Structure formats: structure tokens, C-alpha cells
Amino acid sequence: MRLPSESELTTATARDLYRWDRREHFAVDPKHYWSLHYRNRREAILQAISDFVPAGGSILDIGCAQATVALLLAERGLKVTAIDANPDCLQYARLRWEAGNIDFICMDGMRVYLKREFDGIILGEVIEHVPQPGKLIKTCRDMLRPGGIIVITTPNGLSPHNWLLPGYNPRTMESPDRANVPSGLGARETHLFCFRPNQLLNLVLNSGLTIERKELLNSYAVNPLGLHKVLPVHATQRLNRFFSHIPVLASFTTMTQFIVARKPAE
């Protein structure tokens, strides 16, 4: 995967994604907290795919944006389909491609249904943007092969900077009249609500999936305390992992929820 040159950026979206690329995957400053947080999410997803999806398996990445994870998985030999509602995101993703089997499809995440089965589906920072997340997860379940997995990352609704956002209420948020509520997938920071950990867990279980892995990522020990500015990167990462696994406390002091859910084998 390559970082496009600035001369290749022909849209405002591409220029915005390029700036995020230089902050996250191609980090100019690897100690920047955005770089650290992004790296943790990215590596957790890649590790889950490695652990639960067979070599050469098929992956669907919904709401892929610049498709970093999708491109990395394609380079590792998986067959990847990456979808996003924004064609400019996909145009930028194509500029980054160097190797691997990957298809890009412009499609609304809430209306996705592909007539084939996948070994793994990725919902990375997606479900907080869509009006009916339960419907989306059930659609993903139906597109999985028996024994396939869904990997979910989403903000932690119990962390202080998310308290003002509403939580997830299945009675109101899965009602038919929300089907036409515009999603926030076109904007990077447009969250319709924010899951509390028990809400996300119940949503996944009620969708007919089992939990294979459940973690919290990105402790406040890194940001906003600012320890990432003075410690070496490896020390910051160890500290991050330590504080993200403290029972009870981590539920209120981490930024990201991470779940791997499996469709039961037939």
C-alpha cells in the first residue's frame, strides 16, 4: 500500500483522507495520540482476522473509507470486498492499492446485501453512524458463512467525552420510521449515538451471534494525560494495554470497544 502523492489528489475528500493518512497509518509523528489510537484499532482487527479467518478467506469491509485494513488484508492474500457510500473515498483507496485481490463497490452501508457469503465482515467505526445498527448487524450475519465472524469497533459510550451522546435503545432505534434517517457515514465525526458496553454486547447476542473476543482499547492514560508525549512508543503501548484491561475502571477510561462475534456453525 502506498501513500498517494499530493499531485494525485483531485477532490476535497481525497485531500482530507491524505491528511488523516499522514496522521494515522503513514504517521509523520508515530507518537501522536491519533496515530497510537489508530494503530491499536488496526492491529486488533488484523489480529482477529488472522486468528479466526482461514488463509485466503473472503472479507467484506463495510464503510471502508480509505480502506487501510482492507488493502492490508488483500496484501496478506485474502479476497477482499471494500464498500463505502462515498465514491471519492473509493477513488482515494484505489490510489493506495499496490497488490492483492480487492474489489471496491460504492454502496450505502445500510442497504448492503451481496449475493455471496464471507468468512469475515468488518464494521470498523461504522455502527455509531447508522440509524439502525441492529438491522445492519443482522444483515451482516446473513452474509456470513457458518462459523464466520464479524469484527466491530465503536466508541465507548461510558468514556467522558462521549457522555453527551445518547446511548442505544433498541425499541426506538430499530423502529421502521428510522429506515430513512440519513446515516452519518459521509462525515468522519458524525455519530448518531454512542453504545454503552452492555448495549453493544446485548445487540450482538440478540442478533444470533456468539462472542469470541471482547476488549476495550485506547486508555485515557495516553490521552488526555499526555504520557505519549514523554514516553517511548513501546512504553506507551504497554501502558495503554495495562490500563485498558483493569476491571471496571477500564469501562470508564477507555475510548474504543472491540468485539469479535461468530455466526454459529450449522
C-alpha atoms as a PDB file:
ATOM      1  CA  MET A   1       0.000   0.000   0.000  1.00  0.00           C
ATOM      2  CA  ARG A   2       1.299   3.414  -0.927  1.00  0.00           C
ATOM      3  CA  LEU A   3       0.703   6.966   0.190  1.00  0.00           C
ATOM      4  CA  PRO A   4      -0.501   8.881  -2.873  1.00  0.00           C
ATOM      5  CA  SER A   5       1.369  11.974  -3.919  1.00  0.00           C
ATOM      6  CA  GLU A   6      -0.330  15.319  -3.350  1.00  0.00           C
ATOM      7  CA  SER A   7      -0.478  15.865  -7.116  1.00  0.00           C
ATOM      8  CA  GLU A   8      -2.858  12.875  -7.389  1.00  0.00           C
ATOM      9  CA  LEU A   9      -5.427  14.370  -5.015  1.00  0.00           C
ATOM     10  CA  THR A  10      -8.219  15.816  -7.131  1.00  0.00           C
ATOM     11  CA  THR A  11     -11.062  16.133  -4.594  1.00  0.00           C
ATOM     12  CA  ALA A  12     -11.539  17.716  -1.180  1.00  0.00           C
ATOM     13  CA  THR A  13     -12.292  14.247   0.255  1.00  0.00           C
ATOM     14  CA  ALA A  14      -9.010  12.888  -1.095  1.00  0.00           C
ATOM     15  CA  ARG A  15      -7.069  15.761   0.436  1.00  0.00           C
ATOM     16  CA  ASP A  16      -8.820  15.202   3.773  1.00  0.00           C
ATOM     17  CA  LEU A  17      -8.085  11.466   3.710  1.00  0.00           C
ATOM     18  CA  TYR A  18      -4.473  12.203   2.802  1.00  0.00           C
ATOM     19  CA  ARG A  19      -4.144  14.400   5.910  1.00  0.00           C
ATOM     20  CA  TRP A  20      -5.595  11.614   8.062  1.00  0.00           C
ATOM     21  CA  ASP A  21      -3.267   9.110   6.398  1.00  0.00           C
ATOM     22  CA  ARG A  22      -0.273  11.182   7.434  1.00  0.00           C
ATOM     23  CA  ARG A  23      -1.652  11.311  10.971  1.00  0.00           C
ATOM     24  CA  GLU A  24      -2.624   7.625  11.229  1.00  0.00           C
ATOM     25  CA  HIS A  25      -1.280   4.821   9.018  1.00  0.00           C
ATOM     26  CA  PHE A  26       1.603   6.719   7.425  1.00  0.00           C
ATOM     27  CA  ALA A  27       2.206   8.629  10.636  1.00  0.00           C
ATOM     28  CA  VAL A  28       4.573  11.568  10.339  1.00  0.00           C
ATOM     29  CA  ASP A  29       4.635  11.594  14.150  1.00  0.00           C
ATOM     30  CA  PRO A  30       4.262   7.994  15.460  1.00  0.00           C
ATOM     31  CA  LYS A  31       3.864   9.382  18.998  1.00  0.00           C
ATOM     32  CA  HIS A  32       0.812  11.465  18.120  1.00  0.00           C
ATOM     33  CA  TYR A  33      -2.170  10.134  20.054  1.00  0.00           C
ATOM     34  CA  TRP A  34      -4.250   9.734  16.879  1.00  0.00           C
ATOM     35  CA  SER A  35      -1.503   7.551  15.436  1.00  0.00           C
ATOM     36  CA  LEU A  36      -1.327   5.456  18.614  1.00  0.00           C
ATOM     37  CA  HIS A  37      -5.077   5.026  18.867  1.00  0.00           C
ATOM     38  CA  TYR A  38      -5.483   4.183  15.200  1.00  0.00           C
ATOM     39  CA  ARG A  39      -2.633   1.665  15.323  1.00  0.00           C
ATOM     40  CA  ASN A  40      -4.284  -0.124  18.261  1.00  0.00           C
ATOM     41  CA  ARG A  41      -7.605  -0.473  16.438  1.00  0.00           C
ATOM     42  CA  ARG A  42      -5.943  -1.517  13.191  1.00  0.00           C
ATOM     43  CA  GLU A  43      -3.781  -4.173  14.821  1.00  0.00           C
ATOM     44  CA  ALA A  44      -6.686  -5.570  16.845  1.00  0.00           C
ATOM     45  CA  ILE A  45      -8.703  -6.032  13.647  1.00  0.00           C
ATOM     46  CA  LEU A  46      -5.813  -7.568  11.711  1.00  0.00           C
ATOM     47  CA  GLN A  47      -5.059  -9.970  14.574  1.00  0.00           C
ATOM     48  CA  ALA A  48      -8.697 -11.061  14.782  1.00  0.00           C
ATOM     49  CA  ILE A  49      -8.809 -11.806  11.058  1.00  0.00           C
ATOM     50  CA  SER A  50      -5.569 -13.756  11.361  1.00  0.00           C
ATOM     51  CA  ASP A  51      -6.906 -15.738  14.333  1.00  0.00           C
ATOM     52  CA  PHE A  52     -10.410 -16.558  13.063  1.00  0.00           C
ATOM     53  CA  VAL A  53     -10.398 -16.454   9.240  1.00  0.00           C
ATOM     54  CA  PRO A  54      -8.714 -19.170   7.167  1.00  0.00           C
ATOM     55  CA  ALA A  55      -5.825 -18.275   4.869  1.00  0.00           C
ATOM     56  CA  GLY A  56      -7.124 -16.972   1.571  1.00  0.00           C
ATOM     57  CA  GLY A  57     -10.585 -16.402   3.046  1.00  0.00           C
ATOM     58  CA  SER A  58     -13.088 -13.793   1.936  1.00  0.00           C
ATOM     59  CA  ILE A  59     -13.560 -10.479   3.754  1.00  0.00           C
ATOM     60  CA  LEU A  60     -16.179  -7.730   3.452  1.00  0.00           C
ATOM     61  CA  ASP A  61     -15.219  -4.300   4.832  1.00  0.00           C
ATOM     62  CA  ILE A  62     -18.287  -2.065   5.210  1.00  0.00           C
ATOM     63  CA  GLY A  63     -17.736   1.693   5.394  1.00  0.00           C
ATOM     64  CA  CYS A  64     -14.089   1.231   4.466  1.00  0.00           C
ATOM     65  CA  ALA A  65     -13.238   4.954   3.938  1.00  0.00           C
ATOM     66  CA  GLN A  66      -9.643   4.964   2.622  1.00  0.00           C
ATOM     67  CA  ALA A  67      -9.600   1.143   3.010  1.00  0.00           C
ATOM     68  CA  THR A  68      -6.411   0.776   5.049  1.00  0.00           C
ATOM     69  CA  VAL A  69      -7.383  -2.518   6.702  1.00  0.00           C
ATOM     70  CA  ALA A  70      -8.958  -3.852   3.504  1.00  0.00           C
ATOM     71  CA  LEU A  71      -5.794  -3.168   1.500  1.00  0.00           C
ATOM     72  CA  LEU A  72      -3.546  -4.709   4.161  1.00  0.00           C
ATOM     73  CA  LEU A  73      -5.681  -7.863   4.218  1.00  0.00           C
ATOM     74  CA  ALA A  74      -5.591  -8.086   0.431  1.00  0.00           C
ATOM     75  CA  GLU A  75      -1.805  -7.856   0.563  1.00  0.00           C
ATOM     76  CA  ARG A  76      -1.856 -10.784   3.012  1.00  0.00           C
ATOM     77  CA  GLY A  77      -3.632 -12.988   0.484  1.00  0.00           C
ATOM     78  CA  LEU A  78      -7.273 -12.642   1.476  1.00  0.00           C
ATOM     79  CA  LYS A  79     -10.052 -11.952  -1.033  1.00  0.00           C
ATOM     80  CA  VAL A  80     -11.444  -8.574  -0.015  1.00  0.00           C
ATOM     81  CA  THR A  81     -14.534  -6.593  -0.954  1.00  0.00           C
ATOM     82  CA  ALA A  82     -14.460  -2.997   0.316  1.00  0.00           C
ATOM     83  CA  ILE A  83     -17.592  -0.860   0.198  1.00  0.00           C
ATOM     84  CA  ASP A  84     -18.274   2.770   1.001  1.00  0.00           C
ATOM     85  CA  ALA A  85     -21.104   5.173   0.206  1.00  0.00           C
ATOM     86  CA  ASN A  86     -18.676   7.921  -0.825  1.00  0.00           C
ATOM     87  CA  PRO A  87     -17.169   7.390  -4.299  1.00  0.00           C
ATOM     88  CA  ASP A  88     -14.382   9.863  -3.513  1.00  0.00           C
ATOM     89  CA  CYS A  89     -13.225   7.615  -0.652  1.00  0.00           C
ATOM     90  CA  LEU A  90     -13.019   4.669  -3.023  1.00  0.00           C
ATOM     91  CA  GLN A  91     -11.181   6.725  -5.620  1.00  0.00           C
ATOM     92  CA  TYR A  92      -8.573   7.586  -2.977  1.00  0.00           C
ATOM     93  CA  ALA A  93      -8.397   3.944  -1.838  1.00  0.00           C
ATOM     94  CA  ARG A  94      -7.652   2.849  -5.401  1.00  0.00           C
ATOM     95  CA  LEU A  95      -4.707   5.272  -5.476  1.00  0.00           C
ATOM     96  CA  ARG A  96      -3.260   3.458  -2.451  1.00  0.00           C
ATOM     97  CA  TRP A  97      -3.555  -0.059  -3.932  1.00  0.00           C
ATOM     98  CA  GLU A  98      -0.324  -1.837  -4.882  1.00  0.00           C
ATOM     99  CA  ALA A  99      -1.032  -5.567  -4.603  1.00  0.00           C
ATOM    100  CA  GLY A 100      -3.686  -8.092  -3.652  1.00  0.00           C
ATOM    101  CA  ASN A 101      -7.177  -9.218  -4.589  1.00  0.00           C
ATOM    102  CA  ILE A 102      -9.623  -6.425  -3.714  1.00  0.00           C
ATOM    103  CA  ASP A 103     -12.874  -5.134  -5.204  1.00  0.00           C
ATOM    104  CA  PHE A 104     -14.230  -1.671  -4.452  1.00  0.00           C
ATOM    105  CA  ILE A 105     -18.014  -1.150  -4.534  1.00  0.00           C
ATOM    106  CA  CYS A 106     -19.856   2.136  -3.963  1.00  0.00           C
ATOM    107  CA  MET A 107     -22.844   1.209  -1.807  1.00  0.00           C
ATOM    108  CA  ASP A 108     -24.819   2.540   1.164  1.00  0.00           C
ATOM    109  CA  GLY A 109     -23.854   0.536   4.238  1.00  0.00           C
ATOM    110  CA  MET A 110     -27.479   0.344   5.419  1.00  0.00           C
ATOM    111  CA  ARG A 111     -28.591  -1.137   2.106  1.00  0.00           C
ATOM    112  CA  VAL A 112     -25.797  -3.604   1.544  1.00  0.00           C
ATOM    113  CA  TYR A 113     -26.610  -7.143   0.623  1.00  0.00           C
ATOM    114  CA  LEU A 114     -24.284  -9.083  -1.628  1.00  0.00           C
ATOM    115  CA  LYS A 115     -25.323 -12.454  -3.009  1.00  0.00           C
ATOM    116  CA  ARG A 116     -22.306 -14.310  -1.719  1.00  0.00           C
ATOM    117  CA  GLU A 117     -21.003 -15.431   1.665  1.00  0.00           C
ATOM    118  CA  PHE A 118     -17.957 -14.167   3.536  1.00  0.00           C
ATOM    119  CA  ASP A 119     -15.625 -15.640   6.128  1.00  0.00           C
ATOM    120  CA  GLY A 120     -15.333 -12.296   7.883  1.00  0.00           C
ATOM    121  CA  ILE A 121     -17.065  -8.903   7.900  1.00  0.00           C
ATOM    122  CA  ILE A 122     -15.529  -5.736   9.324  1.00  0.00           C
ATOM    123  CA  LEU A 123     -17.575  -2.914  10.857  1.00  0.00           C
ATOM    124  CA  GLY A 124     -14.788  -0.554  11.881  1.00  0.00           C
ATOM    125  CA  GLU A 125     -16.152   2.661  13.440  1.00  0.00           C
ATOM    126  CA  VAL A 126     -19.407   2.210  11.489  1.00  0.00           C
ATOM    127  CA  ILE A 127     -22.352   1.213  13.668  1.00  0.00           C
ATOM    128  CA  GLU A 128     -22.408   4.516  15.579  1.00  0.00           C
ATOM    129  CA  HIS A 129     -23.092   6.269  12.255  1.00  0.00           C
ATOM    130  CA  VAL A 130     -26.091   4.264  11.019  1.00  0.00           C
ATOM    131  CA  PRO A 131     -29.726   4.742  12.092  1.00  0.00           C
ATOM    132  CA  GLN A 132     -30.488   1.008  12.548  1.00  0.00           C
ATOM    133  CA  PRO A 133     -27.325  -0.776  13.726  1.00  0.00           C
ATOM    134  CA  GLY A 134     -29.228  -3.912  14.740  1.00  0.00           C
ATOM    135  CA  LYS A 135     -30.594  -4.290  11.226  1.00  0.00           C
ATOM    136  CA  LEU A 136     -27.095  -3.842   9.798  1.00  0.00           C
ATOM    137  CA  ILE A 137     -25.578  -6.495  12.077  1.00  0.00           C
ATOM    138  CA  LYS A 138     -28.333  -8.982  11.223  1.00  0.00           C
ATOM    139  CA  THR A 139     -27.756  -8.326   7.520  1.00  0.00           C
ATOM    140  CA  CYS A 140     -24.045  -8.989   8.065  1.00  0.00           C
ATOM    141  CA  ARG A 141     -24.852 -12.200   9.946  1.00  0.00           C
ATOM    142  CA  ASP A 142     -26.888 -13.392   6.966  1.00  0.00           C
ATOM    143  CA  MET A 143     -23.939 -12.759   4.632  1.00  0.00           C
ATOM    144  CA  LEU A 144     -21.550 -14.826   6.755  1.00  0.00           C
ATOM    145  CA  ARG A 145     -20.669 -18.425   6.142  1.00  0.00           C
ATOM    146  CA  PRO A 146     -21.492 -20.678   9.115  1.00  0.00           C
ATOM    147  CA  GLY A 147     -18.688 -20.107  11.604  1.00  0.00           C
ATOM    148  CA  GLY A 148     -17.774 -16.752  10.058  1.00  0.00           C
ATOM    149  CA  ILE A 149     -17.044 -13.675  12.159  1.00  0.00           C
ATOM    150  CA  ILE A 150     -17.985 -10.010  12.415  1.00  0.00           C
ATOM    151  CA  VAL A 151     -15.337  -7.644  13.794  1.00  0.00           C
ATOM    152  CA  ILE A 152     -16.774  -4.499  15.374  1.00  0.00           C
ATOM    153  CA  THR A 153     -15.046  -1.398  16.694  1.00  0.00           C
ATOM    154  CA  THR A 154     -17.038   1.555  18.015  1.00  0.00           C
ATOM    155  CA  PRO A 155     -16.537   4.370  20.548  1.00  0.00           C
ATOM    156  CA  ASN A 156     -17.102   3.598  24.217  1.00  0.00           C
ATOM    157  CA  GLY A 157     -20.215   5.442  25.375  1.00  0.00           C
ATOM    158  CA  LEU A 158     -19.057   5.421  29.006  1.00  0.00           C
ATOM    159  CA  SER A 159     -15.900   7.413  28.335  1.00  0.00           C
ATOM    160  CA  PRO A 160     -16.185  11.053  29.461  1.00  0.00           C
ATOM    161  CA  HIS A 161     -16.010  12.645  26.011  1.00  0.00           C
ATOM    162  CA  ASN A 162     -18.984  10.519  24.867  1.00  0.00           C
ATOM    163  CA  TRP A 163     -21.348  11.074  27.809  1.00  0.00           C
ATOM    164  CA  LEU A 164     -23.353  13.734  25.996  1.00  0.00           C
ATOM    165  CA  LEU A 165     -24.225  11.416  23.120  1.00  0.00           C
ATOM    166  CA  PRO A 166     -27.381   9.287  23.513  1.00  0.00           C
ATOM    167  CA  GLY A 167     -26.990   5.581  24.112  1.00  0.00           C
ATOM    168  CA  TYR A 168     -28.557   2.828  22.031  1.00  0.00           C
ATOM    169  CA  ASN A 169     -32.221   1.998  22.699  1.00  0.00           C
ATOM    170  CA  PRO A 170     -33.402  -0.944  20.542  1.00  0.00           C
ATOM    171  CA  ARG A 171     -37.092  -0.046  20.927  1.00  0.00           C
ATOM    172  CA  THR A 172     -36.664   3.351  19.281  1.00  0.00           C
ATOM    173  CA  MET A 173     -33.576   2.939  17.128  1.00  0.00           C
ATOM    174  CA  GLU A 174     -34.715  -0.175  15.294  1.00  0.00           C
ATOM    175  CA  SER A 175     -38.178   1.186  14.527  1.00  0.00           C
ATOM    176  CA  PRO A 176     -39.235   1.206  10.844  1.00  0.00           C
ATOM    177  CA  ASP A 177     -39.502   5.000  10.740  1.00  0.00           C
ATOM    178  CA  ARG A 178     -35.735   5.266  11.250  1.00  0.00           C
ATOM    179  CA  ALA A 179     -35.042   3.442   7.990  1.00  0.00           C
ATOM    180  CA  ASN A 180     -34.939   6.749   6.123  1.00  0.00           C
ATOM    181  CA  VAL A 181     -32.906   8.654   8.702  1.00  0.00           C
ATOM    182  CA  PRO A 182     -29.697   9.731   6.930  1.00  0.00           C
ATOM    183  CA  SER A 183     -26.611   7.931   8.176  1.00  0.00           C
ATOM    184  CA  GLY A 184     -23.514   9.808   9.195  1.00  0.00           C
ATOM    185  CA  LEU A 185     -21.209   7.685   7.067  1.00  0.00           C
ATOM    186  CA  GLY A 186     -20.403  10.569   4.768  1.00  0.00           C
ATOM    187  CA  ALA A 187     -18.793  12.561   7.579  1.00  0.00           C
ATOM    188  CA  ARG A 188     -15.904  11.363   9.692  1.00  0.00           C
ATOM    189  CA  GLU A 189     -17.114  12.609  13.071  1.00  0.00           C
ATOM    190  CA  THR A 190     -20.914  12.374  12.708  1.00  0.00           C
ATOM    191  CA  HIS A 191     -22.090   9.977  15.426  1.00  0.00           C
ATOM    192  CA  LEU A 192     -25.826   9.401  15.765  1.00  0.00           C
ATOM    193  CA  PHE A 193     -25.392   7.809  19.208  1.00  0.00           C
ATOM    194  CA  CYS A 194     -22.768   6.015  21.253  1.00  0.00           C
ATOM    195  CA  PHE A 195     -23.034   2.454  22.589  1.00  0.00           C
ATOM    196  CA  ARG A 196     -22.523   1.724  26.258  1.00  0.00           C
ATOM    197  CA  PRO A 197     -20.654  -1.617  26.565  1.00  0.00           C
ATOM    198  CA  ASN A 198     -23.656  -3.597  27.811  1.00  0.00           C
ATOM    199  CA  GLN A 199     -25.793  -2.172  24.994  1.00  0.00           C
ATOM    200  CA  LEU A 200     -23.338  -3.335  22.353  1.00  0.00           C
ATOM    201  CA  LEU A 201     -22.989  -6.763  23.955  1.00  0.00           C
ATOM    202  CA  ASN A 202     -26.764  -7.252  24.095  1.00  0.00           C
ATOM    203  CA  LEU A 203     -27.178  -6.106  20.492  1.00  0.00           C
ATOM    204  CA  VAL A 204     -24.642  -8.646  19.253  1.00  0.00           C
ATOM    205  CA  LEU A 205     -26.081 -11.517  21.303  1.00  0.00           C
ATOM    206  CA  ASN A 206     -29.650 -10.671  20.291  1.00  0.00           C
ATOM    207  CA  SER A 207     -28.556 -10.828  16.649  1.00  0.00           C
ATOM    208  CA  GLY A 208     -27.903 -14.555  16.988  1.00  0.00           C
ATOM    209  CA  LEU A 209     -24.115 -14.291  17.295  1.00  0.00           C
ATOM    210  CA  THR A 210     -21.718 -15.563  19.937  1.00  0.00           C
ATOM    211  CA  ILE A 211     -18.856 -13.551  21.420  1.00  0.00           C
ATOM    212  CA  GLU A 212     -15.346 -14.777  20.616  1.00  0.00           C
ATOM    213  CA  ARG A 213     -13.373 -11.765  21.830  1.00  0.00           C
ATOM    214  CA  LYS A 214     -14.318  -8.618  23.748  1.00  0.00           C
ATOM    215  CA  GLU A 215     -11.847  -5.885  24.674  1.00  0.00           C
ATOM    216  CA  LEU A 216     -11.508  -2.201  25.461  1.00  0.00           C
ATOM    217  CA  LEU A 217      -8.811  -0.189  23.699  1.00  0.00           C
ATOM    218  CA  ASN A 218      -7.103   3.180  23.987  1.00  0.00           C
ATOM    219  CA  SER A 219      -6.850   4.253  27.605  1.00  0.00           C
ATOM    220  CA  TYR A 220      -7.010   7.819  28.831  1.00  0.00           C
ATOM    221  CA  ALA A 221      -3.559   7.129  30.282  1.00  0.00           C
ATOM    222  CA  VAL A 222      -2.313   8.034  26.811  1.00  0.00           C
ATOM    223  CA  ASN A 223      -4.680  10.914  26.111  1.00  0.00           C
ATOM    224  CA  PRO A 224      -5.577  13.371  27.600  1.00  0.00           C
ATOM    225  CA  LEU A 225      -2.971  12.812  30.349  1.00  0.00           C
ATOM    226  CA  GLY A 226      -0.322  13.270  27.668  1.00  0.00           C
ATOM    227  CA  LEU A 227       2.046  10.471  28.683  1.00  0.00           C
ATOM    228  CA  HIS A 228       2.528   9.630  24.990  1.00  0.00           C
ATOM    229  CA  LYS A 229       4.451  12.878  24.623  1.00  0.00           C
ATOM    230  CA  VAL A 230       7.198  11.906  27.073  1.00  0.00           C
ATOM    231  CA  LEU A 231       7.400   8.103  26.919  1.00  0.00           C
ATOM    232  CA  PRO A 232       8.877   5.957  24.132  1.00  0.00           C
ATOM    233  CA  VAL A 233       6.248   4.468  21.818  1.00  0.00           C
ATOM    234  CA  HIS A 234       6.767   0.903  23.094  1.00  0.00           C
ATOM    235  CA  ALA A 235       6.347   2.046  26.711  1.00  0.00           C
ATOM    236  CA  THR A 236       3.227   3.989  25.822  1.00  0.00           C
ATOM    237  CA  GLN A 237       1.724   0.924  24.159  1.00  0.00           C
ATOM    238  CA  ARG A 238       2.436  -1.303  27.175  1.00  0.00           C
ATOM    239  CA  LEU A 239       0.904   1.289  29.496  1.00  0.00           C
ATOM    240  CA  ASN A 240      -2.087   1.583  27.202  1.00  0.00           C
ATOM    241  CA  ARG A 241      -2.695  -2.170  27.265  1.00  0.00           C
ATOM    242  CA  PHE A 242      -2.282  -2.329  31.026  1.00  0.00           C
ATOM    243  CA  PHE A 243      -4.827   0.403  31.809  1.00  0.00           C
ATOM    244  CA  SER A 244      -7.238  -0.886  29.151  1.00  0.00           C
ATOM    245  CA  HIS A 245      -7.567  -4.210  30.994  1.00  0.00           C
ATOM    246  CA  ILE A 246      -8.218  -3.021  34.552  1.00  0.00           C
ATOM    247  CA  PRO A 247     -11.633  -4.417  35.537  1.00  0.00           C
ATOM    248  CA  VAL A 248     -14.435  -1.844  35.983  1.00  0.00           C
ATOM    249  CA  LEU A 249     -12.078   1.143  35.720  1.00  0.00           C
ATOM    250  CA  ALA A 250     -11.351   0.466  32.039  1.00  0.00           C
ATOM    251  CA  SER A 251     -15.063   0.692  31.208  1.00  0.00           C
ATOM    252  CA  PHE A 252     -14.946   4.402  32.064  1.00  0.00           C
ATOM    253  CA  THR A 253     -11.412   5.293  30.986  1.00  0.00           C
ATOM    254  CA  THR A 254     -11.028   3.816  27.509  1.00  0.00           C
ATOM    255  CA  MET A 255     -12.165   5.210  24.185  1.00  0.00           C
ATOM    256  CA  THR A 256     -12.859   2.163  21.999  1.00  0.00           C
ATOM    257  CA  GLN A 257     -14.888  -1.036  22.196  1.00  0.00           C
ATOM    258  CA  PHE A 258     -13.729  -4.059  20.230  1.00  0.00           C
ATOM    259  CA  ILE A 259     -15.775  -7.222  19.657  1.00  0.00           C
ATOM    260  CA  VAL A 260     -15.347 -10.348  17.543  1.00  0.00           C
ATOM    261  CA  ALA A 261     -18.674 -12.166  17.098  1.00  0.00           C
ATOM    262  CA  ARG A 262     -19.206 -15.515  15.380  1.00  0.00           C
ATOM    263  CA  LYS A 263     -22.118 -16.943  13.436  1.00  0.00           C
ATOM    264  CA  PRO A 264     -22.884 -20.412  14.817  1.00  0.00           C
ATOM    265  CA  ALA A 265     -21.784 -23.308  12.640  1.00  0.00           C
ATOM    266  CA  GLU A 266     -24.629 -25.279  11.117  1.00  0.00           C
END
